[in-house]
N, C-alpha and C. Protein backbone atom coordinates (compact mmCIF):
# COMPACT_ATOMS: atom_id res chain seq x y z
N MET A 1 -46.90 -25.15 37.58
CA MET A 1 -48.01 -24.85 36.69
C MET A 1 -48.80 -26.13 36.46
N THR A 2 -50.09 -26.07 36.59
CA THR A 2 -50.93 -27.25 36.39
C THR A 2 -51.07 -27.54 34.91
N THR A 3 -51.53 -28.76 34.63
CA THR A 3 -51.76 -29.14 33.23
C THR A 3 -52.78 -28.22 32.58
N LEU A 4 -53.83 -27.87 33.30
CA LEU A 4 -54.86 -26.98 32.77
C LEU A 4 -54.26 -25.60 32.46
N SER A 5 -53.40 -25.09 33.34
CA SER A 5 -52.76 -23.80 33.11
C SER A 5 -51.87 -23.84 31.87
N ARG A 6 -51.15 -24.95 31.72
CA ARG A 6 -50.28 -25.10 30.54
C ARG A 6 -51.12 -25.10 29.26
N LEU A 7 -52.23 -25.85 29.27
CA LEU A 7 -53.11 -25.90 28.10
C LEU A 7 -53.68 -24.52 27.79
N ALA A 8 -54.07 -23.80 28.82
CA ALA A 8 -54.60 -22.45 28.63
C ALA A 8 -53.53 -21.54 28.01
N ALA A 9 -52.30 -21.65 28.50
CA ALA A 9 -51.20 -20.83 27.97
C ALA A 9 -50.93 -21.17 26.51
N VAL A 10 -50.93 -22.45 26.18
CA VAL A 10 -50.74 -22.87 24.79
C VAL A 10 -51.87 -22.33 23.93
N GLY A 11 -53.10 -22.42 24.44
CA GLY A 11 -54.26 -21.91 23.70
C GLY A 11 -54.14 -20.42 23.43
N LEU A 12 -53.68 -19.65 24.40
CA LEU A 12 -53.49 -18.22 24.21
C LEU A 12 -52.43 -17.94 23.16
N CYS A 13 -51.37 -18.74 23.14
CA CYS A 13 -50.32 -18.57 22.13
C CYS A 13 -50.88 -18.83 20.74
N VAL A 14 -51.69 -19.87 20.59
CA VAL A 14 -52.28 -20.20 19.29
C VAL A 14 -53.21 -19.08 18.85
N VAL A 15 -54.07 -18.59 19.76
CA VAL A 15 -54.98 -17.50 19.43
C VAL A 15 -54.19 -16.26 19.03
N SER A 16 -53.12 -15.96 19.74
CA SER A 16 -52.29 -14.80 19.40
C SER A 16 -51.68 -14.95 18.02
N ALA A 17 -51.21 -16.15 17.69
CA ALA A 17 -50.61 -16.38 16.37
C ALA A 17 -51.65 -16.20 15.28
N VAL A 18 -52.86 -16.72 15.48
CA VAL A 18 -53.92 -16.57 14.48
C VAL A 18 -54.29 -15.10 14.33
N ASN A 19 -54.42 -14.38 15.45
CA ASN A 19 -54.77 -12.97 15.38
C ASN A 19 -53.69 -12.15 14.71
N ALA A 20 -52.43 -12.48 14.94
CA ALA A 20 -51.33 -11.76 14.30
C ALA A 20 -51.38 -11.94 12.79
N ALA A 21 -51.70 -13.16 12.34
CA ALA A 21 -51.81 -13.41 10.91
C ALA A 21 -52.97 -12.62 10.33
N SER A 22 -54.09 -12.56 11.06
CA SER A 22 -55.25 -11.82 10.57
C SER A 22 -54.97 -10.33 10.49
N ALA A 23 -54.16 -9.81 11.44
CA ALA A 23 -53.87 -8.38 11.46
C ALA A 23 -53.11 -7.96 10.21
N ALA A 24 -52.34 -8.86 9.62
CA ALA A 24 -51.55 -8.54 8.44
C ALA A 24 -52.36 -8.68 7.15
N GLU A 25 -53.59 -9.15 7.26
CA GLU A 25 -54.42 -9.40 6.08
C GLU A 25 -54.57 -8.15 5.23
N LEU A 26 -54.39 -8.31 3.93
CA LEU A 26 -54.48 -7.18 3.00
C LEU A 26 -55.91 -7.00 2.49
N ASN A 27 -56.27 -5.76 2.28
CA ASN A 27 -57.59 -5.42 1.76
C ASN A 27 -57.45 -4.58 0.50
N VAL A 28 -58.54 -4.44 -0.23
CA VAL A 28 -58.55 -3.61 -1.43
C VAL A 28 -58.11 -2.20 -1.04
N GLY A 29 -57.18 -1.66 -1.82
CA GLY A 29 -56.65 -0.32 -1.57
C GLY A 29 -55.34 -0.30 -0.81
N ASP A 30 -55.01 -1.40 -0.15
CA ASP A 30 -53.73 -1.49 0.56
C ASP A 30 -52.58 -1.64 -0.43
N PRO A 31 -51.41 -1.10 -0.12
CA PRO A 31 -50.26 -1.33 -1.00
C PRO A 31 -49.85 -2.80 -0.94
N ALA A 32 -49.50 -3.34 -2.08
CA ALA A 32 -49.03 -4.74 -2.13
C ALA A 32 -47.64 -4.81 -1.50
N PRO A 33 -47.37 -5.89 -0.78
CA PRO A 33 -46.03 -6.05 -0.20
C PRO A 33 -44.96 -6.13 -1.29
N LYS A 34 -43.80 -5.61 -0.99
CA LYS A 34 -42.64 -5.79 -1.88
C LYS A 34 -41.93 -7.05 -1.43
N PHE A 35 -41.52 -7.87 -2.40
CA PHE A 35 -40.90 -9.14 -2.02
C PHE A 35 -39.98 -9.66 -3.11
N THR A 36 -39.09 -10.55 -2.69
CA THR A 36 -38.23 -11.31 -3.60
C THR A 36 -38.32 -12.76 -3.16
N VAL A 37 -38.58 -13.65 -4.11
CA VAL A 37 -38.71 -15.07 -3.80
C VAL A 37 -38.22 -15.86 -5.01
N LYS A 38 -37.83 -17.10 -4.80
CA LYS A 38 -37.32 -17.93 -5.90
C LYS A 38 -38.46 -18.38 -6.81
N ASP A 39 -38.20 -18.35 -8.12
CA ASP A 39 -39.19 -18.84 -9.07
C ASP A 39 -38.91 -20.30 -9.43
N ASP A 40 -39.70 -20.82 -10.35
CA ASP A 40 -39.60 -22.24 -10.72
C ASP A 40 -38.29 -22.60 -11.42
N ALA A 41 -37.48 -21.61 -11.77
CA ALA A 41 -36.16 -21.86 -12.36
C ALA A 41 -35.04 -21.62 -11.34
N GLY A 42 -35.42 -21.29 -10.10
CA GLY A 42 -34.43 -21.04 -9.06
C GLY A 42 -33.85 -19.64 -9.07
N LYS A 43 -34.45 -18.75 -9.86
CA LYS A 43 -33.97 -17.37 -9.94
C LYS A 43 -34.81 -16.48 -9.02
N ASP A 44 -34.23 -15.36 -8.59
CA ASP A 44 -34.98 -14.41 -7.79
C ASP A 44 -36.05 -13.74 -8.64
N TRP A 45 -37.27 -13.75 -8.12
CA TRP A 45 -38.40 -13.04 -8.74
C TRP A 45 -38.70 -11.88 -7.82
N LYS A 46 -38.47 -10.66 -8.32
CA LYS A 46 -38.64 -9.46 -7.51
C LYS A 46 -39.92 -8.74 -7.93
N SER A 47 -40.80 -8.51 -6.97
CA SER A 47 -42.06 -7.84 -7.27
C SER A 47 -41.80 -6.46 -7.89
N ALA A 48 -40.74 -5.78 -7.48
CA ALA A 48 -40.43 -4.45 -8.00
C ALA A 48 -40.19 -4.46 -9.51
N ASP A 49 -39.82 -5.60 -10.06
CA ASP A 49 -39.59 -5.71 -11.51
C ASP A 49 -40.89 -5.91 -12.29
N HIS A 50 -42.01 -6.13 -11.60
CA HIS A 50 -43.26 -6.47 -12.27
C HIS A 50 -44.41 -5.54 -11.87
N VAL A 51 -44.58 -5.35 -10.57
CA VAL A 51 -45.67 -4.50 -10.07
C VAL A 51 -45.40 -3.06 -10.50
N GLY A 52 -46.42 -2.42 -11.05
CA GLY A 52 -46.28 -1.05 -11.55
C GLY A 52 -46.06 -1.01 -13.05
N LYS A 53 -45.66 -2.13 -13.61
CA LYS A 53 -45.47 -2.22 -15.06
C LYS A 53 -46.67 -2.89 -15.71
N LYS A 54 -47.28 -3.81 -14.97
CA LYS A 54 -48.47 -4.54 -15.42
C LYS A 54 -49.40 -4.72 -14.23
N VAL A 55 -50.60 -5.16 -14.53
CA VAL A 55 -51.48 -5.65 -13.47
C VAL A 55 -50.97 -7.05 -13.16
N VAL A 56 -50.82 -7.38 -11.88
CA VAL A 56 -50.25 -8.68 -11.51
C VAL A 56 -51.26 -9.47 -10.68
N VAL A 57 -51.48 -10.71 -11.11
CA VAL A 57 -52.29 -11.65 -10.34
C VAL A 57 -51.32 -12.50 -9.53
N VAL A 58 -51.49 -12.50 -8.22
CA VAL A 58 -50.72 -13.37 -7.35
C VAL A 58 -51.74 -14.33 -6.75
N TYR A 59 -51.68 -15.58 -7.23
CA TYR A 59 -52.63 -16.54 -6.67
C TYR A 59 -51.89 -17.57 -5.82
N PHE A 60 -52.36 -17.71 -4.60
CA PHE A 60 -51.81 -18.67 -3.64
C PHE A 60 -52.64 -19.94 -3.74
N TYR A 61 -51.96 -21.09 -3.69
CA TYR A 61 -52.66 -22.36 -3.79
C TYR A 61 -51.97 -23.39 -2.91
N PRO A 62 -52.70 -24.44 -2.51
CA PRO A 62 -52.14 -25.40 -1.56
C PRO A 62 -50.94 -26.21 -2.05
N ALA A 63 -51.02 -26.81 -3.25
CA ALA A 63 -49.94 -27.74 -3.62
C ALA A 63 -49.94 -28.10 -5.09
N ASP A 64 -48.75 -28.27 -5.62
CA ASP A 64 -48.59 -28.82 -6.97
C ASP A 64 -49.07 -30.28 -6.98
N PHE A 65 -49.50 -30.72 -8.14
CA PHE A 65 -49.89 -32.12 -8.37
C PHE A 65 -51.08 -32.57 -7.51
N THR A 66 -52.01 -31.64 -7.24
CA THR A 66 -53.25 -32.02 -6.58
C THR A 66 -54.40 -31.56 -7.48
N GLY A 67 -55.57 -32.14 -7.28
CA GLY A 67 -56.70 -31.93 -8.19
C GLY A 67 -57.10 -30.48 -8.44
N GLY A 68 -57.53 -29.79 -7.40
CA GLY A 68 -57.99 -28.42 -7.56
C GLY A 68 -56.89 -27.49 -8.02
N CYS A 69 -55.70 -27.69 -7.51
CA CYS A 69 -54.57 -26.82 -7.86
C CYS A 69 -54.16 -27.01 -9.32
N THR A 70 -54.26 -28.22 -9.80
CA THR A 70 -53.97 -28.49 -11.21
C THR A 70 -55.02 -27.82 -12.09
N LYS A 71 -56.29 -27.91 -11.71
CA LYS A 71 -57.36 -27.25 -12.48
C LYS A 71 -57.13 -25.74 -12.51
N GLN A 72 -56.77 -25.17 -11.38
CA GLN A 72 -56.54 -23.74 -11.31
C GLN A 72 -55.37 -23.33 -12.20
N ALA A 73 -54.26 -24.03 -12.10
CA ALA A 73 -53.08 -23.72 -12.91
C ALA A 73 -53.37 -23.87 -14.40
N CYS A 74 -54.05 -24.94 -14.77
CA CYS A 74 -54.36 -25.16 -16.19
C CYS A 74 -55.35 -24.12 -16.70
N GLY A 75 -56.25 -23.64 -15.85
CA GLY A 75 -57.15 -22.56 -16.24
C GLY A 75 -56.38 -21.30 -16.57
N PHE A 76 -55.43 -20.93 -15.71
CA PHE A 76 -54.60 -19.76 -16.01
C PHE A 76 -53.77 -20.00 -17.26
N ARG A 77 -53.24 -21.20 -17.42
CA ARG A 77 -52.47 -21.53 -18.63
C ARG A 77 -53.33 -21.31 -19.88
N ASP A 78 -54.54 -21.85 -19.86
CA ASP A 78 -55.41 -21.78 -21.03
C ASP A 78 -55.91 -20.37 -21.32
N ASP A 79 -56.04 -19.54 -20.30
CA ASP A 79 -56.54 -18.17 -20.48
C ASP A 79 -55.44 -17.12 -20.52
N LEU A 80 -54.18 -17.55 -20.50
CA LEU A 80 -53.08 -16.58 -20.37
C LEU A 80 -53.01 -15.62 -21.55
N ASP A 81 -53.28 -16.07 -22.77
CA ASP A 81 -53.23 -15.15 -23.92
C ASP A 81 -54.20 -14.00 -23.73
N GLU A 82 -55.42 -14.31 -23.32
CA GLU A 82 -56.44 -13.28 -23.11
C GLU A 82 -56.07 -12.38 -21.93
N LEU A 83 -55.56 -12.99 -20.87
CA LEU A 83 -55.12 -12.20 -19.71
C LEU A 83 -53.98 -11.26 -20.11
N SER A 84 -53.04 -11.76 -20.89
CA SER A 84 -51.91 -10.94 -21.34
C SER A 84 -52.38 -9.77 -22.19
N LYS A 85 -53.39 -10.00 -23.03
CA LYS A 85 -53.96 -8.91 -23.84
C LYS A 85 -54.54 -7.81 -22.97
N GLN A 86 -54.97 -8.16 -21.77
CA GLN A 86 -55.52 -7.19 -20.83
C GLN A 86 -54.41 -6.56 -19.97
N GLY A 87 -53.15 -6.91 -20.26
CA GLY A 87 -52.02 -6.35 -19.52
C GLY A 87 -51.79 -6.99 -18.17
N ILE A 88 -52.19 -8.26 -18.06
CA ILE A 88 -52.10 -8.97 -16.79
C ILE A 88 -50.99 -10.01 -16.82
N GLU A 89 -50.19 -10.01 -15.77
CA GLU A 89 -49.17 -11.04 -15.56
C GLU A 89 -49.65 -11.93 -14.41
N VAL A 90 -49.47 -13.23 -14.55
CA VAL A 90 -49.94 -14.20 -13.55
C VAL A 90 -48.74 -14.88 -12.90
N VAL A 91 -48.78 -14.99 -11.55
CA VAL A 91 -47.81 -15.81 -10.83
C VAL A 91 -48.57 -16.64 -9.80
N GLY A 92 -48.21 -17.91 -9.72
CA GLY A 92 -48.78 -18.80 -8.74
C GLY A 92 -47.80 -19.01 -7.60
N VAL A 93 -48.31 -19.16 -6.37
CA VAL A 93 -47.46 -19.28 -5.20
C VAL A 93 -47.94 -20.44 -4.32
N SER A 94 -47.04 -21.33 -3.97
CA SER A 94 -47.33 -22.36 -2.97
C SER A 94 -46.06 -22.59 -2.15
N ALA A 95 -46.17 -23.43 -1.15
CA ALA A 95 -45.01 -23.75 -0.30
C ALA A 95 -44.17 -24.88 -0.90
N ASP A 96 -44.48 -25.30 -2.12
CA ASP A 96 -43.68 -26.32 -2.79
C ASP A 96 -42.31 -25.77 -3.15
N SER A 97 -41.36 -26.68 -3.34
CA SER A 97 -39.98 -26.29 -3.65
C SER A 97 -39.83 -25.85 -5.12
N VAL A 98 -38.71 -25.23 -5.40
CA VAL A 98 -38.37 -24.84 -6.77
C VAL A 98 -38.42 -26.07 -7.68
N ASP A 99 -37.83 -27.18 -7.23
CA ASP A 99 -37.80 -28.39 -8.05
C ASP A 99 -39.20 -28.94 -8.32
N THR A 100 -40.04 -28.94 -7.29
CA THR A 100 -41.42 -29.42 -7.48
C THR A 100 -42.15 -28.52 -8.46
N HIS A 101 -41.99 -27.21 -8.32
CA HIS A 101 -42.60 -26.27 -9.27
C HIS A 101 -42.12 -26.53 -10.70
N ALA A 102 -40.82 -26.77 -10.85
CA ALA A 102 -40.28 -27.02 -12.20
C ALA A 102 -40.93 -28.26 -12.81
N GLU A 103 -41.08 -29.31 -12.03
CA GLU A 103 -41.73 -30.54 -12.52
C GLU A 103 -43.20 -30.28 -12.88
N PHE A 104 -43.91 -29.59 -12.00
CA PHE A 104 -45.33 -29.29 -12.20
C PHE A 104 -45.52 -28.43 -13.45
N LYS A 105 -44.68 -27.42 -13.59
CA LYS A 105 -44.76 -26.52 -14.74
C LYS A 105 -44.50 -27.28 -16.04
N LYS A 106 -43.48 -28.10 -16.04
CA LYS A 106 -43.14 -28.88 -17.24
C LYS A 106 -44.25 -29.89 -17.56
N TYR A 107 -44.71 -30.60 -16.57
CA TYR A 107 -45.71 -31.66 -16.78
C TYR A 107 -47.02 -31.10 -17.36
N HIS A 108 -47.43 -29.92 -16.88
CA HIS A 108 -48.70 -29.34 -17.33
C HIS A 108 -48.51 -28.22 -18.35
N LYS A 109 -47.28 -28.06 -18.84
CA LYS A 109 -46.97 -27.05 -19.86
C LYS A 109 -47.49 -25.67 -19.46
N LEU A 110 -47.19 -25.28 -18.23
CA LEU A 110 -47.63 -23.99 -17.73
C LEU A 110 -46.78 -22.88 -18.34
N ASN A 111 -47.43 -21.80 -18.71
CA ASN A 111 -46.78 -20.70 -19.43
C ASN A 111 -46.68 -19.43 -18.58
N PHE A 112 -46.62 -19.60 -17.28
CA PHE A 112 -46.46 -18.49 -16.35
C PHE A 112 -45.58 -18.96 -15.19
N THR A 113 -45.16 -18.02 -14.37
CA THR A 113 -44.20 -18.28 -13.30
C THR A 113 -44.87 -18.83 -12.04
N LEU A 114 -44.18 -19.79 -11.43
CA LEU A 114 -44.57 -20.30 -10.11
C LEU A 114 -43.50 -19.87 -9.11
N LEU A 115 -43.95 -19.42 -7.95
CA LEU A 115 -43.02 -18.96 -6.91
C LEU A 115 -43.01 -19.93 -5.74
N ALA A 116 -41.80 -20.23 -5.26
CA ALA A 116 -41.61 -21.19 -4.16
C ALA A 116 -41.55 -20.45 -2.83
N ASP A 117 -42.63 -20.50 -2.09
CA ASP A 117 -42.72 -19.83 -0.79
C ASP A 117 -42.57 -20.88 0.31
N GLU A 118 -41.41 -21.55 0.31
CA GLU A 118 -41.19 -22.68 1.22
C GLU A 118 -41.26 -22.29 2.69
N ASP A 119 -40.84 -21.08 3.03
CA ASP A 119 -40.89 -20.64 4.42
C ASP A 119 -42.19 -19.89 4.74
N THR A 120 -43.07 -19.78 3.79
CA THR A 120 -44.41 -19.15 3.87
C THR A 120 -44.38 -17.68 4.26
N LYS A 121 -43.25 -17.04 4.15
CA LYS A 121 -43.14 -15.62 4.49
C LYS A 121 -43.95 -14.74 3.52
N LEU A 122 -44.01 -15.13 2.25
CA LEU A 122 -44.78 -14.36 1.28
C LEU A 122 -46.28 -14.46 1.60
N ALA A 123 -46.74 -15.68 1.87
CA ALA A 123 -48.15 -15.85 2.25
C ALA A 123 -48.47 -15.00 3.48
N GLU A 124 -47.58 -15.01 4.46
CA GLU A 124 -47.77 -14.23 5.67
C GLU A 124 -47.82 -12.73 5.36
N ALA A 125 -46.97 -12.28 4.43
CA ALA A 125 -46.97 -10.86 4.06
C ALA A 125 -48.29 -10.43 3.45
N PHE A 126 -48.96 -11.35 2.76
CA PHE A 126 -50.26 -11.07 2.15
C PHE A 126 -51.41 -11.38 3.12
N GLY A 127 -51.09 -11.95 4.29
CA GLY A 127 -52.12 -12.28 5.26
C GLY A 127 -52.87 -13.57 4.95
N VAL A 128 -52.31 -14.39 4.06
CA VAL A 128 -52.96 -15.65 3.67
C VAL A 128 -52.73 -16.69 4.76
N GLU A 129 -53.77 -17.43 5.06
CA GLU A 129 -53.69 -18.47 6.07
C GLU A 129 -52.73 -19.58 5.63
N VAL A 130 -51.96 -20.08 6.60
CA VAL A 130 -51.01 -21.16 6.36
C VAL A 130 -51.26 -22.25 7.39
N VAL A 131 -51.27 -23.49 6.92
CA VAL A 131 -51.40 -24.64 7.81
C VAL A 131 -50.04 -25.31 7.87
N PRO A 132 -49.37 -25.25 9.04
CA PRO A 132 -48.05 -25.88 9.14
C PRO A 132 -48.17 -27.41 9.15
N GLY A 133 -47.08 -28.06 8.81
CA GLY A 133 -47.05 -29.52 8.82
C GLY A 133 -46.70 -30.07 7.46
N GLU A 134 -45.83 -31.06 7.48
CA GLU A 134 -45.36 -31.68 6.24
C GLU A 134 -46.48 -32.47 5.57
N LYS A 135 -46.58 -32.30 4.26
CA LYS A 135 -47.57 -33.01 3.44
C LYS A 135 -46.86 -33.56 2.22
N VAL A 136 -47.41 -34.62 1.67
CA VAL A 136 -46.84 -35.26 0.48
C VAL A 136 -47.89 -35.32 -0.61
N ALA A 137 -47.52 -34.89 -1.81
CA ALA A 137 -48.36 -35.07 -3.00
C ALA A 137 -47.65 -36.08 -3.89
N LYS A 138 -48.42 -36.90 -4.57
CA LYS A 138 -47.84 -37.91 -5.47
C LYS A 138 -48.38 -37.72 -6.87
N ALA A 139 -47.53 -38.01 -7.84
CA ALA A 139 -47.93 -37.90 -9.24
C ALA A 139 -47.16 -38.92 -10.06
N GLU A 140 -47.81 -39.39 -11.11
CA GLU A 140 -47.13 -40.28 -12.04
C GLU A 140 -46.55 -39.44 -13.17
N ILE A 141 -45.23 -39.46 -13.28
CA ILE A 141 -44.53 -38.69 -14.29
C ILE A 141 -43.61 -39.63 -15.05
N ASP A 142 -43.76 -39.64 -16.37
CA ASP A 142 -42.96 -40.52 -17.23
C ASP A 142 -43.06 -41.97 -16.78
N GLY A 143 -44.26 -42.38 -16.39
CA GLY A 143 -44.49 -43.77 -16.01
C GLY A 143 -44.02 -44.16 -14.63
N LYS A 144 -43.51 -43.20 -13.86
CA LYS A 144 -43.02 -43.49 -12.52
C LYS A 144 -43.75 -42.62 -11.50
N GLU A 145 -44.08 -43.21 -10.35
CA GLU A 145 -44.70 -42.42 -9.31
C GLU A 145 -43.64 -41.65 -8.54
N LYS A 146 -43.87 -40.34 -8.41
CA LYS A 146 -42.96 -39.48 -7.66
C LYS A 146 -43.71 -38.87 -6.50
N SER A 147 -42.98 -38.61 -5.42
CA SER A 147 -43.54 -37.94 -4.25
C SER A 147 -42.92 -36.55 -4.13
N PHE A 148 -43.76 -35.60 -3.76
CA PHE A 148 -43.33 -34.21 -3.60
C PHE A 148 -43.73 -33.76 -2.19
N VAL A 149 -42.74 -33.36 -1.40
CA VAL A 149 -42.96 -33.00 0.00
C VAL A 149 -42.90 -31.49 0.16
N ARG A 150 -43.84 -30.95 0.92
CA ARG A 150 -43.81 -29.53 1.29
C ARG A 150 -43.96 -29.44 2.81
N LYS A 151 -43.46 -28.35 3.38
CA LYS A 151 -43.43 -28.19 4.83
C LYS A 151 -44.69 -27.54 5.40
N ALA A 152 -45.50 -26.94 4.53
CA ALA A 152 -46.72 -26.26 4.98
C ALA A 152 -47.69 -26.21 3.80
N THR A 153 -48.93 -25.89 4.11
CA THR A 153 -49.95 -25.75 3.07
C THR A 153 -50.54 -24.35 3.17
N ILE A 154 -50.49 -23.64 2.06
CA ILE A 154 -51.01 -22.28 1.99
C ILE A 154 -52.44 -22.36 1.47
N LYS A 155 -53.34 -21.59 2.06
CA LYS A 155 -54.74 -21.57 1.62
C LYS A 155 -54.84 -20.95 0.23
N ARG A 156 -55.94 -21.27 -0.45
CA ARG A 156 -56.18 -20.78 -1.81
C ARG A 156 -56.83 -19.39 -1.77
N TRP A 157 -56.02 -18.35 -2.04
CA TRP A 157 -56.50 -16.97 -2.12
C TRP A 157 -55.90 -16.35 -3.37
N THR A 158 -56.62 -15.43 -4.00
CA THR A 158 -56.13 -14.76 -5.20
C THR A 158 -56.18 -13.25 -4.99
N PHE A 159 -55.08 -12.59 -5.39
CA PHE A 159 -54.97 -11.13 -5.29
C PHE A 159 -54.74 -10.56 -6.69
N LEU A 160 -55.37 -9.43 -6.95
CA LEU A 160 -55.14 -8.68 -8.18
C LEU A 160 -54.50 -7.37 -7.75
N ILE A 161 -53.27 -7.14 -8.23
CA ILE A 161 -52.53 -5.92 -7.89
C ILE A 161 -52.57 -4.99 -9.10
N GLY A 162 -53.10 -3.80 -8.89
CA GLY A 162 -53.19 -2.82 -9.97
C GLY A 162 -51.83 -2.25 -10.34
N LYS A 163 -51.79 -1.54 -11.45
CA LYS A 163 -50.54 -0.91 -11.89
C LYS A 163 -50.05 0.13 -10.90
N ASP A 164 -50.95 0.59 -10.04
CA ASP A 164 -50.55 1.57 -9.01
C ASP A 164 -49.90 0.91 -7.81
N GLY A 165 -49.77 -0.44 -7.85
CA GLY A 165 -49.12 -1.16 -6.76
C GLY A 165 -50.03 -1.45 -5.58
N LYS A 166 -51.33 -1.16 -5.74
CA LYS A 166 -52.28 -1.40 -4.66
C LYS A 166 -53.15 -2.62 -4.97
N ILE A 167 -53.65 -3.24 -3.92
CA ILE A 167 -54.53 -4.38 -4.06
C ILE A 167 -55.84 -3.91 -4.69
N ALA A 168 -56.17 -4.44 -5.86
CA ALA A 168 -57.40 -4.07 -6.56
C ALA A 168 -58.53 -5.04 -6.26
N ALA A 169 -58.19 -6.28 -5.92
CA ALA A 169 -59.21 -7.29 -5.59
C ALA A 169 -58.58 -8.40 -4.77
N VAL A 170 -59.39 -8.99 -3.89
CA VAL A 170 -58.98 -10.12 -3.07
C VAL A 170 -60.10 -11.15 -3.12
N ASP A 171 -59.74 -12.40 -3.39
CA ASP A 171 -60.72 -13.49 -3.38
C ASP A 171 -60.23 -14.55 -2.40
N LYS A 172 -60.97 -14.73 -1.31
CA LYS A 172 -60.62 -15.72 -0.29
C LYS A 172 -61.46 -16.98 -0.41
N MET A 173 -62.42 -16.96 -1.32
CA MET A 173 -63.30 -18.11 -1.54
C MET A 173 -63.17 -18.55 -3.00
N VAL A 174 -61.97 -18.86 -3.40
CA VAL A 174 -61.64 -19.14 -4.79
C VAL A 174 -62.24 -20.46 -5.27
N ASN A 175 -62.89 -20.41 -6.42
CA ASN A 175 -63.30 -21.61 -7.13
C ASN A 175 -62.13 -21.92 -8.07
N ALA A 176 -61.37 -22.95 -7.75
CA ALA A 176 -60.11 -23.23 -8.47
C ALA A 176 -60.29 -23.30 -9.97
N ALA A 177 -61.30 -24.02 -10.43
CA ALA A 177 -61.48 -24.23 -11.86
C ALA A 177 -61.91 -22.96 -12.59
N GLU A 178 -62.49 -22.00 -11.88
CA GLU A 178 -63.01 -20.77 -12.51
C GLU A 178 -62.19 -19.52 -12.20
N ASP A 179 -61.09 -19.66 -11.47
CA ASP A 179 -60.34 -18.50 -11.02
C ASP A 179 -59.86 -17.61 -12.16
N SER A 180 -59.30 -18.19 -13.20
CA SER A 180 -58.77 -17.39 -14.31
C SER A 180 -59.88 -16.62 -15.01
N LYS A 181 -61.04 -17.23 -15.17
CA LYS A 181 -62.18 -16.57 -15.83
C LYS A 181 -62.68 -15.41 -14.97
N LYS A 182 -62.72 -15.63 -13.66
CA LYS A 182 -63.17 -14.57 -12.74
C LYS A 182 -62.21 -13.38 -12.79
N ILE A 183 -60.91 -13.66 -12.81
CA ILE A 183 -59.90 -12.59 -12.88
C ILE A 183 -60.03 -11.84 -14.20
N LEU A 184 -60.23 -12.54 -15.29
CA LEU A 184 -60.38 -11.91 -16.59
C LEU A 184 -61.59 -10.97 -16.60
N LYS A 185 -62.70 -11.44 -16.07
CA LYS A 185 -63.92 -10.63 -16.00
C LYS A 185 -63.68 -9.41 -15.12
N LEU A 186 -63.07 -9.61 -13.98
CA LEU A 186 -62.79 -8.51 -13.05
C LEU A 186 -61.86 -7.48 -13.67
N ALA A 187 -60.86 -7.94 -14.37
CA ALA A 187 -59.90 -7.02 -15.01
C ALA A 187 -60.60 -6.15 -16.04
N LYS A 188 -61.53 -6.72 -16.79
CA LYS A 188 -62.28 -5.94 -17.79
C LYS A 188 -63.17 -4.91 -17.09
N GLU A 189 -63.75 -5.28 -15.95
CA GLU A 189 -64.60 -4.35 -15.20
C GLU A 189 -63.80 -3.20 -14.60
N LEU A 190 -62.55 -3.47 -14.21
CA LEU A 190 -61.71 -2.45 -13.59
C LEU A 190 -61.18 -1.42 -14.57
N LYS A 191 -61.19 -1.74 -15.86
CA LYS A 191 -60.63 -0.81 -16.86
C LYS A 191 -61.46 0.43 -17.01
């Protein structure tokens, strides 16, 4: 096999992988995937225990301890009382570890659950784009710089799952700082 043939074969594999991810992409009206994943306390978080009981926001974000992701998380934190009054539960999802999520949640006093999708299977189930490759985020905590490593980066997408278990809204062009406000407005419109 020539070098050009090998490159072409690799290119076809990459295109196939991208197309397979796109084929799984969820749209409004599709049933939300059922899943179990570890939360920021290391416990199993089962969608079956939440979906159907409340409206659930599942927001995917790239990484803990980064600028836009911190703004997005703090926005949900600050608006959680109003979201809860609308019957909405919020969960954030990234490829960060349980331990990194625990630190991030504690540092920013987050009042909602973070899910550790380290193998990115949950992102894939929702059709969210994933960029493989190890990345490091750094943060100063208690006067010391800490590094947090993740194996992949999940794109920033937000899903609103209705009480019927179906996707009620999908946002693939999320404005991190305004995401919670947009969800709140959308939830009021859906009522």
